[in-house]
Amino acid sequence: MSTVISAKFAVLGLLASASIAANAQNAAPGAEDIVTKPVEPVSVPIQPAPAPIVVSFLDFEAFDDDLNAQLKKANDRSVEVEFYSPVSPNAIPPRIERRLAALRKEGGQVGIVQPQNASNTRSVMAVVGLFSGLYNFMKTFEAASNERAMVNSVKDRDVDLVLERTDQGSVIIRKLVFKKRPPASTADTPSPTG
């Protein structure tokens, strides 16, 4: 059996030699002088994603000023809002609701990141239903200058509500993650002719 395999390899070697010789005859003049070297692998360092800016939520006006400033200087970095105490998706503080309403008004998307161990989506759907009524808040705050600063801070942002299931089984908002909105593709942009 080994002689049969050896014979097959010998035939393959002859065919390969004939193919190389035929290619050499058809090659451009001076092609035999070209020396090929193995290609050295190039390592390109992978830049880690920049660390997010973290702002802790406190329900007073200084929080708005701090978050506005952090969103303005964040550029491509994300800004995370963490809570000192559990926040129910059904009882989002009005200060946060207004910001989410402003974000949606400016074309931002509000995403829901479900808990790792979520067994159903009922609590998540309650959060999604909450945003349908947020437009009512818009009329009450557009006139104030500090509210305009808030609107400007979220113009190019999307936000994810990161949910977590507690040991008791209830769902809370662990944090909000404001991230740079990806640029709109040309397919999404309406044409000037309508």
C-alpha atoms as a PDB file:
ATOM      1  CA  MET A   1       0.000   0.000   0.000  1.00  0.00           C
ATOM      2  CA  SER A   2       2.836   2.408   0.808  1.00  0.00           C
ATOM      3  CA  THR A   3       4.300   1.925  -2.677  1.00  0.00           C
ATOM      4  CA  VAL A   4       0.961   2.937  -4.227  1.00  0.00           C
ATOM      5  CA  ILE A   5       0.907   6.125  -2.117  1.00  0.00           C
ATOM      6  CA  SER A   6       4.554   6.843  -2.982  1.00  0.00           C
ATOM      7  CA  ALA A   7       3.790   6.424  -6.667  1.00  0.00           C
ATOM      8  CA  LYS A   8       0.868   8.866  -6.433  1.00  0.00           C
ATOM      9  CA  PHE A   9       3.107  11.478  -4.781  1.00  0.00           C
ATOM     10  CA  ALA A  10       5.760  10.945  -7.443  1.00  0.00           C
ATOM     11  CA  VAL A  11       3.204  11.551 -10.212  1.00  0.00           C
ATOM     12  CA  LEU A  12       1.936  14.682  -8.456  1.00  0.00           C
ATOM     13  CA  GLY A  13       5.531  15.938  -8.129  1.00  0.00           C
ATOM     14  CA  LEU A  14       6.158  15.452 -11.850  1.00  0.00           C
ATOM     15  CA  LEU A  15       2.949  17.266 -12.751  1.00  0.00           C
ATOM     16  CA  ALA A  16       3.874  20.184 -10.479  1.00  0.00           C
ATOM     17  CA  SER A  17       7.374  20.397 -12.001  1.00  0.00           C
ATOM     18  CA  ALA A  18       5.900  20.447 -15.506  1.00  0.00           C
ATOM     19  CA  SER A  19       3.472  23.196 -14.520  1.00  0.00           C
ATOM     20  CA  ILE A  20       6.287  25.313 -13.035  1.00  0.00           C
ATOM     21  CA  ALA A  21       8.406  24.860 -16.150  1.00  0.00           C
ATOM     22  CA  ALA A  22       5.491  25.865 -18.396  1.00  0.00           C
ATOM     23  CA  ASN A  23       4.852  28.980 -16.322  1.00  0.00           C
ATOM     24  CA  ALA A  24       8.559  29.902 -16.476  1.00  0.00           C
ATOM     25  CA  GLN A  25       8.526  29.745 -20.291  1.00  0.00           C
ATOM     26  CA  ASN A  26       5.439  31.985 -20.461  1.00  0.00           C
ATOM     27  CA  ALA A  27       6.787  34.454 -17.900  1.00  0.00           C
ATOM     28  CA  ALA A  28       8.003  37.898 -18.835  1.00  0.00           C
ATOM     29  CA  PRO A  29      11.706  38.308 -19.623  1.00  0.00           C
ATOM     30  CA  GLY A  30      13.738  38.631 -16.474  1.00  0.00           C
ATOM     31  CA  ALA A  31      11.035  36.966 -14.350  1.00  0.00           C
ATOM     32  CA  GLU A  32      13.515  34.320 -13.268  1.00  0.00           C
ATOM     33  CA  ASP A  33      15.518  37.060 -11.557  1.00  0.00           C
ATOM     34  CA  ILE A  34      12.616  37.964  -9.267  1.00  0.00           C
ATOM     35  CA  VAL A  35      13.091  36.635  -5.784  1.00  0.00           C
ATOM     36  CA  THR A  36      10.054  36.231  -3.628  1.00  0.00           C
ATOM     37  CA  LYS A  37      10.376  36.511   0.113  1.00  0.00           C
ATOM     38  CA  PRO A  38       7.949  35.309   2.692  1.00  0.00           C
ATOM     39  CA  VAL A  39       5.682  38.044   3.959  1.00  0.00           C
ATOM     40  CA  GLU A  40       6.361  39.087   7.527  1.00  0.00           C
ATOM     41  CA  PRO A  41       3.229  39.316   9.649  1.00  0.00           C
ATOM     42  CA  VAL A  42       2.399  42.848  10.638  1.00  0.00           C
ATOM     43  CA  SER A  43       0.911  43.419  14.040  1.00  0.00           C
ATOM     44  CA  VAL A  44      -1.396  46.374  14.353  1.00  0.00           C
ATOM     45  CA  PRO A  45      -2.100  47.372  17.925  1.00  0.00           C
ATOM     46  CA  ILE A  46      -5.786  47.379  18.734  1.00  0.00           C
ATOM     47  CA  GLN A  47      -6.775  50.514  20.559  1.00  0.00           C
ATOM     48  CA  PRO A  48      -9.035  49.766  23.508  1.00  0.00           C
ATOM     49  CA  ALA A  49     -12.285  51.670  23.617  1.00  0.00           C
ATOM     50  CA  PRO A  50     -11.948  54.802  25.720  1.00  0.00           C
ATOM     51  CA  ALA A  51     -13.329  54.465  29.225  1.00  0.00           C
ATOM     52  CA  PRO A  52     -16.786  55.947  29.645  1.00  0.00           C
ATOM     53  CA  ILE A  53     -17.358  59.109  31.659  1.00  0.00           C
ATOM     54  CA  VAL A  54     -19.420  58.285  34.755  1.00  0.00           C
ATOM     55  CA  VAL A  55     -21.869  60.734  36.331  1.00  0.00           C
ATOM     56  CA  SER A  56     -23.812  59.818  39.468  1.00  0.00           C
ATOM     57  CA  PHE A  57     -27.467  60.851  39.525  1.00  0.00           C
ATOM     58  CA  LEU A  58     -28.606  63.274  42.206  1.00  0.00           C
ATOM     59  CA  ASP A  59     -32.036  64.815  41.764  1.00  0.00           C
ATOM     60  CA  PHE A  60     -31.065  68.491  41.728  1.00  0.00           C
ATOM     61  CA  GLU A  61     -30.085  71.118  39.171  1.00  0.00           C
ATOM     62  CA  ALA A  62     -26.308  70.692  39.576  1.00  0.00           C
ATOM     63  CA  PHE A  63     -26.699  67.169  38.137  1.00  0.00           C
ATOM     64  CA  ASP A  64     -28.142  68.642  34.915  1.00  0.00           C
ATOM     65  CA  ASP A  65     -25.255  71.083  34.631  1.00  0.00           C
ATOM     66  CA  ASP A  66     -22.689  68.338  35.247  1.00  0.00           C
ATOM     67  CA  LEU A  67     -24.274  65.920  32.775  1.00  0.00           C
ATOM     68  CA  ASN A  68     -24.577  68.665  30.120  1.00  0.00           C
ATOM     69  CA  ALA A  69     -20.877  69.482  30.534  1.00  0.00           C
ATOM     70  CA  GLN A  70     -19.807  65.834  30.412  1.00  0.00           C
ATOM     71  CA  LEU A  71     -21.894  65.122  27.294  1.00  0.00           C
ATOM     72  CA  LYS A  72     -20.431  68.201  25.604  1.00  0.00           C
ATOM     73  CA  LYS A  73     -16.818  67.188  26.240  1.00  0.00           C
ATOM     74  CA  ALA A  74     -17.349  63.443  25.660  1.00  0.00           C
ATOM     75  CA  ASN A  75     -16.978  63.552  21.843  1.00  0.00           C
ATOM     76  CA  ASP A  76     -17.012  59.843  20.865  1.00  0.00           C
ATOM     77  CA  ARG A  77     -16.884  58.543  24.437  1.00  0.00           C
ATOM     78  CA  SER A  78     -19.991  57.269  26.139  1.00  0.00           C
ATOM     79  CA  VAL A  79     -21.367  58.886  29.278  1.00  0.00           C
ATOM     80  CA  GLU A  80     -22.908  56.628  31.913  1.00  0.00           C
ATOM     81  CA  VAL A  81     -25.397  57.816  34.512  1.00  0.00           C
ATOM     82  CA  GLU A  82     -25.365  55.599  37.587  1.00  0.00           C
ATOM     83  CA  PHE A  83     -27.932  55.670  40.379  1.00  0.00           C
ATOM     84  CA  TYR A  84     -27.231  55.640  44.121  1.00  0.00           C
ATOM     85  CA  SER A  85     -30.505  53.831  44.816  1.00  0.00           C
ATOM     86  CA  PRO A  86     -32.637  51.498  42.679  1.00  0.00           C
ATOM     87  CA  VAL A  87     -34.775  53.215  40.047  1.00  0.00           C
ATOM     88  CA  SER A  88     -37.833  51.394  38.761  1.00  0.00           C
ATOM     89  CA  PRO A  89     -38.508  51.598  35.019  1.00  0.00           C
ATOM     90  CA  ASN A  90     -42.049  52.639  36.006  1.00  0.00           C
ATOM     91  CA  ALA A  91     -40.843  55.494  38.245  1.00  0.00           C
ATOM     92  CA  ILE A  92     -38.113  57.262  36.291  1.00  0.00           C
ATOM     93  CA  PRO A  93     -37.272  60.601  37.937  1.00  0.00           C
ATOM     94  CA  PRO A  94     -38.810  63.562  36.030  1.00  0.00           C
ATOM     95  CA  ARG A  95     -35.325  65.066  35.572  1.00  0.00           C
ATOM     96  CA  ILE A  96     -34.292  61.927  33.625  1.00  0.00           C
ATOM     97  CA  GLU A  97     -37.647  61.683  31.790  1.00  0.00           C
ATOM     98  CA  ARG A  98     -37.237  65.224  30.436  1.00  0.00           C
ATOM     99  CA  ARG A  99     -33.763  64.422  29.159  1.00  0.00           C
ATOM    100  CA  LEU A 100     -34.988  61.238  27.448  1.00  0.00           C
ATOM    101  CA  ALA A 101     -37.879  63.176  25.882  1.00  0.00           C
ATOM    102  CA  ALA A 102     -35.439  65.810  24.590  1.00  0.00           C
ATOM    103  CA  LEU A 103     -33.189  63.099  23.181  1.00  0.00           C
ATOM    104  CA  ARG A 104     -36.083  61.480  21.308  1.00  0.00           C
ATOM    105  CA  LYS A 105     -37.279  64.880  20.024  1.00  0.00           C
ATOM    106  CA  GLU A 106     -33.799  65.451  18.575  1.00  0.00           C
ATOM    107  CA  GLY A 107     -33.944  62.115  16.700  1.00  0.00           C
ATOM    108  CA  GLY A 108     -32.139  59.982  19.270  1.00  0.00           C
ATOM    109  CA  GLN A 109     -33.014  56.374  19.949  1.00  0.00           C
ATOM    110  CA  VAL A 110     -33.794  54.963  23.392  1.00  0.00           C
ATOM    111  CA  GLY A 111     -32.628  51.359  23.587  1.00  0.00           C
ATOM    112  CA  ILE A 112     -33.390  48.796  26.260  1.00  0.00           C
ATOM    113  CA  VAL A 113     -30.644  46.427  27.415  1.00  0.00           C
ATOM    114  CA  GLN A 114     -32.411  43.544  29.109  1.00  0.00           C
ATOM    115  CA  PRO A 115     -31.107  41.927  32.284  1.00  0.00           C
ATOM    116  CA  GLN A 116     -28.760  38.976  31.796  1.00  0.00           C
ATOM    117  CA  ASN A 117     -31.188  36.610  33.523  1.00  0.00           C
ATOM    118  CA  ALA A 118     -34.435  37.985  32.063  1.00  0.00           C
ATOM    119  CA  SER A 119     -37.101  35.313  31.840  1.00  0.00           C
ATOM    120  CA  ASN A 120     -39.790  37.478  30.250  1.00  0.00           C
ATOM    121  CA  THR A 121     -40.126  40.902  28.671  1.00  0.00           C
ATOM    122  CA  ARG A 122     -43.140  42.259  30.588  1.00  0.00           C
ATOM    123  CA  SER A 123     -41.075  44.684  32.651  1.00  0.00           C
ATOM    124  CA  VAL A 124     -39.106  45.722  29.580  1.00  0.00           C
ATOM    125  CA  MET A 125     -42.310  46.411  27.688  1.00  0.00           C
ATOM    126  CA  ALA A 126     -43.483  48.637  30.551  1.00  0.00           C
ATOM    127  CA  VAL A 127     -40.393  50.784  29.982  1.00  0.00           C
ATOM    128  CA  VAL A 128     -41.033  50.940  26.239  1.00  0.00           C
ATOM    129  CA  GLY A 129     -44.655  51.997  26.874  1.00  0.00           C
ATOM    130  CA  LEU A 130     -43.464  54.748  29.195  1.00  0.00           C
ATOM    131  CA  PHE A 131     -41.770  56.651  26.378  1.00  0.00           C
ATOM    132  CA  SER A 132     -44.944  57.030  24.376  1.00  0.00           C
ATOM    133  CA  GLY A 133     -46.145  59.714  26.817  1.00  0.00           C
ATOM    134  CA  LEU A 134     -42.911  61.634  27.143  1.00  0.00           C
ATOM    135  CA  TYR A 135     -43.801  64.225  24.521  1.00  0.00           C
ATOM    136  CA  ASN A 136     -46.162  65.889  27.019  1.00  0.00           C
ATOM    137  CA  PHE A 137     -43.129  66.976  29.045  1.00  0.00           C
ATOM    138  CA  MET A 138     -41.652  68.843  26.068  1.00  0.00           C
ATOM    139  CA  LYS A 139     -44.080  71.799  26.236  1.00  0.00           C
ATOM    140  CA  THR A 140     -43.258  72.522  29.867  1.00  0.00           C
ATOM    141  CA  PHE A 141     -39.509  72.910  29.564  1.00  0.00           C
ATOM    142  CA  GLU A 142     -38.479  74.170  26.108  1.00  0.00           C
ATOM    143  CA  ALA A 143     -38.560  77.838  27.101  1.00  0.00           C
ATOM    144  CA  ALA A 144     -36.017  77.733  29.955  1.00  0.00           C
ATOM    145  CA  SER A 145     -32.388  78.387  29.032  1.00  0.00           C
ATOM    146  CA  ASN A 146     -30.998  75.547  31.159  1.00  0.00           C
ATOM    147  CA  GLU A 147     -33.408  73.207  29.406  1.00  0.00           C
ATOM    148  CA  ARG A 148     -32.128  74.398  26.004  1.00  0.00           C
ATOM    149  CA  ALA A 149     -28.635  73.493  27.167  1.00  0.00           C
ATOM    150  CA  MET A 150     -29.952  70.039  28.008  1.00  0.00           C
ATOM    151  CA  VAL A 151     -31.501  69.675  24.548  1.00  0.00           C
ATOM    152  CA  ASN A 152     -28.235  70.754  22.917  1.00  0.00           C
ATOM    153  CA  SER A 153     -26.273  68.228  24.988  1.00  0.00           C
ATOM    154  CA  VAL A 154     -28.250  65.269  23.614  1.00  0.00           C
ATOM    155  CA  LYS A 155     -28.591  66.364  19.953  1.00  0.00           C
ATOM    156  CA  ASP A 156     -26.107  63.781  18.660  1.00  0.00           C
ATOM    157  CA  ARG A 157     -26.723  61.054  21.229  1.00  0.00           C
ATOM    158  CA  ASP A 158     -28.637  57.808  21.660  1.00  0.00           C
ATOM    159  CA  VAL A 159     -29.188  56.227  25.062  1.00  0.00           C
ATOM    160  CA  ASP A 160     -29.442  52.680  26.377  1.00  0.00           C
ATOM    161  CA  LEU A 161     -31.348  51.916  29.561  1.00  0.00           C
ATOM    162  CA  VAL A 162     -29.419  49.041  31.130  1.00  0.00           C
ATOM    163  CA  LEU A 163     -31.812  46.963  33.205  1.00  0.00           C
ATOM    164  CA  GLU A 164     -30.981  44.571  36.016  1.00  0.00           C
ATOM    165  CA  ARG A 165     -33.052  42.008  37.892  1.00  0.00           C
ATOM    166  CA  THR A 166     -32.665  42.209  41.664  1.00  0.00           C
ATOM    167  CA  ASP A 167     -32.442  39.195  43.989  1.00  0.00           C
ATOM    168  CA  GLN A 168     -36.106  39.789  44.829  1.00  0.00           C
ATOM    169  CA  GLY A 169     -37.014  39.467  41.134  1.00  0.00           C
ATOM    170  CA  SER A 170     -37.925  43.078  40.352  1.00  0.00           C
ATOM    171  CA  VAL A 171     -36.363  44.918  37.409  1.00  0.00           C
ATOM    172  CA  ILE A 172     -34.496  48.175  38.010  1.00  0.00           C
ATOM    173  CA  ILE A 173     -32.546  50.562  35.807  1.00  0.00           C
ATOM    174  CA  ARG A 174     -28.889  49.927  36.632  1.00  0.00           C
ATOM    175  CA  LYS A 175     -27.573  52.796  34.510  1.00  0.00           C
ATOM    176  CA  LEU A 176     -28.167  54.963  31.452  1.00  0.00           C
ATOM    177  CA  VAL A 177     -25.529  54.941  28.722  1.00  0.00           C
ATOM    178  CA  PHE A 178     -25.491  57.990  26.450  1.00  0.00           C
ATOM    179  CA  LYS A 179     -23.514  57.173  23.305  1.00  0.00           C
ATOM    180  CA  LYS A 180     -22.601  59.009  20.145  1.00  0.00           C
ATOM    181  CA  ARG A 181     -25.256  58.545  17.486  1.00  0.00           C
ATOM    182  CA  PRO A 182     -23.895  56.897  14.335  1.00  0.00           C
ATOM    183  CA  PRO A 183     -24.007  59.171  11.282  1.00  0.00           C
ATOM    184  CA  ALA A 184     -27.106  58.792   9.151  1.00  0.00           C
ATOM    185  CA  SER A 185     -26.499  56.819   5.993  1.00  0.00           C
ATOM    186  CA  THR A 186     -27.280  58.435   2.643  1.00  0.00           C
ATOM    187  CA  ALA A 187     -30.076  55.894   2.135  1.00  0.00           C
ATOM    188  CA  ASP A 188     -31.828  57.267   5.247  1.00  0.00           C
ATOM    189  CA  THR A 189     -31.506  60.897   4.167  1.00  0.00           C
ATOM    190  CA  PRO A 190     -34.522  62.190   2.228  1.00  0.00           C
ATOM    191  CA  SER A 191     -33.776  63.562  -1.204  1.00  0.00           C
ATOM    192  CA  PRO A 192     -34.290  67.317  -1.814  1.00  0.00           C
ATOM    193  CA  THR A 193     -36.893  66.544  -4.479  1.00  0.00           C
ATOM    194  CA  GLY A 194     -39.050  64.606  -2.006  1.00  0.00           C
END
